[in-house]
C-alpha atoms as a PDB file:
ATOM      1  CA  MET A   1     -15.917  -3.758   0.079  1.00  0.00           C
ATOM      2  CA  GLN A   2     -17.161  -2.139   3.011  1.00  0.00           C
ATOM      3  CA  ILE A   3     -15.421  -1.646   6.499  1.00  0.00           C
ATOM      4  CA  TRP A   4     -16.710  -0.111   9.742  1.00  0.00           C
ATOM      5  CA  LEU A   5     -14.490   0.119  12.484  1.00  0.00           C
ATOM      6  CA  SER A   6     -14.734   1.154  15.932  1.00  0.00           C
ATOM      7  CA  LYS A   7     -12.057   3.006  17.641  1.00  0.00           C
ATOM      8  CA  ASP A   8     -14.051   2.803  20.843  1.00  0.00           C
ATOM      9  CA  SER A   9     -14.429  -0.859  21.008  1.00  0.00           C
ATOM     10  CA  ASP A  10     -12.636  -3.121  23.193  1.00  0.00           C
ATOM     11  CA  VAL A  11     -11.892  -5.348  20.162  1.00  0.00           C
ATOM     12  CA  SER A  12      -8.417  -3.782  18.647  1.00  0.00           C
ATOM     13  CA  ILE A  13      -8.673  -2.238  15.317  1.00  0.00           C
ATOM     14  CA  ARG A  14      -6.268  -4.754  13.713  1.00  0.00           C
ATOM     15  CA  GLU A  15      -8.884  -7.463  15.011  1.00  0.00           C
ATOM     16  CA  GLN A  16     -11.814  -5.591  13.621  1.00  0.00           C
ATOM     17  CA  LEU A  17     -10.211  -5.294  10.451  1.00  0.00           C
ATOM     18  CA  THR A  18      -9.040  -8.878   9.942  1.00  0.00           C
ATOM     19  CA  ALA A  19     -12.449 -10.152  11.197  1.00  0.00           C
ATOM     20  CA  GLN A  20     -13.998  -8.147   8.448  1.00  0.00           C
ATOM     21  CA  ILE A  21     -11.981  -9.266   5.911  1.00  0.00           C
ATOM     22  CA  LYS A  22     -12.512 -12.784   6.449  1.00  0.00           C
ATOM     23  CA  LEU A  23     -16.066 -12.054   6.596  1.00  0.00           C
ATOM     24  CA  ALA A  24     -15.750 -10.350   3.049  1.00  0.00           C
ATOM     25  CA  ILE A  25     -13.982 -13.233   1.878  1.00  0.00           C
ATOM     26  CA  LEU A  26     -16.673 -16.026   3.144  1.00  0.00           C
ATOM     27  CA  SER A  27     -19.503 -13.675   1.614  1.00  0.00           C
ATOM     28  CA  GLN A  28     -18.117 -13.740  -1.602  1.00  0.00           C
ATOM     29  CA  ASP A  29     -17.720 -10.187  -1.438  1.00  0.00           C
ATOM     30  CA  LEU A  30     -13.854 -10.324  -2.168  1.00  0.00           C
ATOM     31  CA  LYS A  31     -13.759 -13.210  -4.759  1.00  0.00           C
ATOM     32  CA  PRO A  32     -10.674 -15.615  -4.719  1.00  0.00           C
ATOM     33  CA  GLY A  33      -7.508 -13.979  -7.048  1.00  0.00           C
ATOM     34  CA  GLN A  34      -8.903 -10.288  -6.234  1.00  0.00           C
ATOM     35  CA  LYS A  35      -6.381  -8.041  -5.169  1.00  0.00           C
ATOM     36  CA  LEU A  36      -7.166  -6.226  -1.688  1.00  0.00           C
ATOM     37  CA  PRO A  37      -6.272  -2.147  -1.587  1.00  0.00           C
ATOM     38  CA  SER A  38      -2.688  -1.457  -0.978  1.00  0.00           C
ATOM     39  CA  THR A  39      -1.834  -0.726   2.961  1.00  0.00           C
ATOM     40  CA  ARG A  40      -1.536   2.864   2.510  1.00  0.00           C
ATOM     41  CA  GLU A  41      -4.717   3.153   0.436  1.00  0.00           C
ATOM     42  CA  LEU A  42      -6.876   1.126   3.019  1.00  0.00           C
ATOM     43  CA  ALA A  43      -5.208   3.021   5.588  1.00  0.00           C
ATOM     44  CA  ARG A  44      -5.795   6.464   4.199  1.00  0.00           C
ATOM     45  CA  ARG A  45      -9.829   5.469   3.471  1.00  0.00           C
ATOM     46  CA  LEU A  46     -10.457   4.071   7.284  1.00  0.00           C
ATOM     47  CA  LYS A  47      -8.041   7.018   8.814  1.00  0.00           C
ATOM     48  CA  ILE A  48      -5.820   4.255  10.695  1.00  0.00           C
ATOM     49  CA  HIS A  49      -2.289   3.736  10.688  1.00  0.00           C
ATOM     50  CA  SER A  50      -0.794   1.947   7.847  1.00  0.00           C
ATOM     51  CA  ASN A  51       1.054  -0.524  10.274  1.00  0.00           C
ATOM     52  CA  THR A  52      -2.538  -1.307  11.865  1.00  0.00           C
ATOM     53  CA  VAL A  53      -3.458  -2.517   8.004  1.00  0.00           C
ATOM     54  CA  SER A  54      -0.059  -4.236   7.514  1.00  0.00           C
ATOM     55  CA  ALA A  55      -0.668  -6.240  10.584  1.00  0.00           C
ATOM     56  CA  ALA A  56      -3.801  -7.723   9.770  1.00  0.00           C
ATOM     57  CA  TYR A  57      -2.724  -8.530   6.277  1.00  0.00           C
ATOM     58  CA  ARG A  58       0.201 -10.226   8.036  1.00  0.00           C
ATOM     59  CA  GLU A  59      -2.103 -12.282  10.206  1.00  0.00           C
ATOM     60  CA  LEU A  60      -4.346 -13.071   7.201  1.00  0.00           C
ATOM     61  CA  THR A  61      -1.501 -14.154   4.928  1.00  0.00           C
ATOM     62  CA  GLU A  62      -0.443 -16.599   7.995  1.00  0.00           C
ATOM     63  CA  LEU A  63      -3.905 -17.898   8.535  1.00  0.00           C
ATOM     64  CA  GLY A  64      -4.185 -18.627   4.880  1.00  0.00           C
ATOM     65  CA  TRP A  65      -6.736 -16.079   3.743  1.00  0.00           C
ATOM     66  CA  VAL A  66      -4.780 -14.001   1.511  1.00  0.00           C
ATOM     67  CA  GLU A  67      -1.490 -13.980  -0.069  1.00  0.00           C
ATOM     68  CA  MET A  68       1.316 -11.304  -0.584  1.00  0.00           C
ATOM     69  CA  ARG A  69       3.071 -11.090  -3.836  1.00  0.00           C
ATOM     70  CA  ALA A  70       6.152  -9.339  -3.444  1.00  0.00           C
ATOM     71  CA  GLY A  71       5.825  -6.111  -5.737  1.00  0.00           C
ATOM     72  CA  SER A  72       2.416  -6.664  -6.440  1.00  0.00           C
ATOM     73  CA  GLY A  73       0.484  -6.560  -3.435  1.00  0.00           C
ATOM     74  CA  VAL A  74      -2.063  -8.769  -1.322  1.00  0.00           C
ATOM     75  CA  TYR A  75      -4.882 -11.152  -2.920  1.00  0.00           C
ATOM     76  CA  VAL A  76      -7.286 -13.152  -1.747  1.00  0.00           C
ATOM     77  CA  ARG A  77      -6.134 -17.334  -1.978  1.00  0.00           C
ATOM     78  CA  LYS A  78      -8.048 -19.629  -3.963  1.00  0.00           C
ATOM     79  CA  PHE A  79      -9.507 -21.970  -1.233  1.00  0.00           C
ATOM     80  CA  ASN A  80      -8.743 -25.839  -2.001  1.00  0.00           C
ATOM     81  CA  ARG A  81     -11.683 -28.232  -0.703  1.00  0.00           C
ATOM     82  CA  GLU A  82     -10.247 -28.639   2.596  1.00  0.00           C
ATOM     83  CA  VAL A  83      -9.467 -25.089   3.322  1.00  0.00           C
ATOM     84  CA  GLU A  84     -13.424 -23.988   2.341  1.00  0.00           C
ATOM     85  CA  LEU A  85     -14.574 -26.495   4.761  1.00  0.00           C
ATOM     86  CA  GLU A  86     -12.406 -25.143   7.414  1.00  0.00           C
ATOM     87  CA  ALA A  87     -13.310 -21.702   6.550  1.00  0.00           C
ATOM     88  CA  GLN A  88     -16.897 -22.713   6.678  1.00  0.00           C
ATOM     89  CA  LEU A  89     -16.461 -23.411  10.480  1.00  0.00           C
ATOM     90  CA  ASP A  90     -14.436 -20.530  10.992  1.00  0.00           C
ATOM     91  CA  LEU A  91     -17.969 -18.430   9.720  1.00  0.00           C
ATOM     92  CA  ASP A  92     -19.616 -19.086  12.814  1.00  0.00           C
ATOM     93  CA  ASN A  93     -17.255 -17.585  15.074  1.00  0.00           C
ATOM     94  CA  LEU A  94     -16.657 -14.664  12.557  1.00  0.00           C
ATOM     95  CA  ILE A  95     -20.207 -13.986  13.045  1.00  0.00           C
ATOM     96  CA  VAL A  96     -20.275 -13.752  16.557  1.00  0.00           C
ATOM     97  CA  GLU A  97     -17.391 -11.725  16.641  1.00  0.00           C
ATOM     98  CA  PHE A  98     -19.215  -9.288  14.136  1.00  0.00           C
ATOM     99  CA  LEU A  99     -22.332  -9.183  16.356  1.00  0.00           C
ATOM    100  CA  GLN A 100     -20.095  -8.136  19.779  1.00  0.00           C
ATOM    101  CA  VAL A 101     -18.672  -5.256  17.734  1.00  0.00           C
ATOM    102  CA  ALA A 102     -21.886  -4.277  16.448  1.00  0.00           C
ATOM    103  CA  ARG A 103     -23.371  -4.592  19.912  1.00  0.00           C
ATOM    104  CA  ARG A 104     -20.611  -2.523  21.388  1.00  0.00           C
ATOM    105  CA  ILE A 105     -20.843   0.154  18.822  1.00  0.00           C
ATOM    106  CA  ARG A 106     -24.515   0.447  19.627  1.00  0.00           C
ATOM    107  CA  ARG A 107     -23.813   0.753  23.216  1.00  0.00           C
ATOM    108  CA  VAL A 108     -21.602   3.336  22.876  1.00  0.00           C
ATOM    109  CA  ARG A 109     -24.028   4.987  20.371  1.00  0.00           C
ATOM    110  CA  ASP A 110     -26.682   4.987  23.073  1.00  0.00           C
ATOM    111  CA  ALA A 111     -24.558   6.071  25.936  1.00  0.00           C
ATOM    112  CA  ILE A 112     -23.580   9.377  23.778  1.00  0.00           C
ATOM    113  CA  GLU A 113     -27.351   9.954  22.518  1.00  0.00           C
ATOM    114  CA  ALA A 114     -28.226   9.553  26.313  1.00  0.00           C
ATOM    115  CA  GLU A 115     -26.203  12.264  27.402  1.00  0.00           C
END
């Protein structure tokens, strides 16, 4: 699972992380039943605070994308038909969010290169 975060974005790191995990689930990059990296591991890999990862995982759990198993970790949920249809509708919003973040990153890079 590849995750790109922009610390200079107007979109919070937690929101970027949440959106990218959702996108990975919808694109089948993350399969149902697959274990996500631990909070500490993902925070270390992305060079962000572990509380940010915890908040993203909590939000994804509340929204039904993943499930936390006590003492075991965080896993991608298996969707039933109704949840799958709802997830498909959410895909459009995720794509829009992703493109907005990409555009902001591009503007920041262009501004830096212009200096």
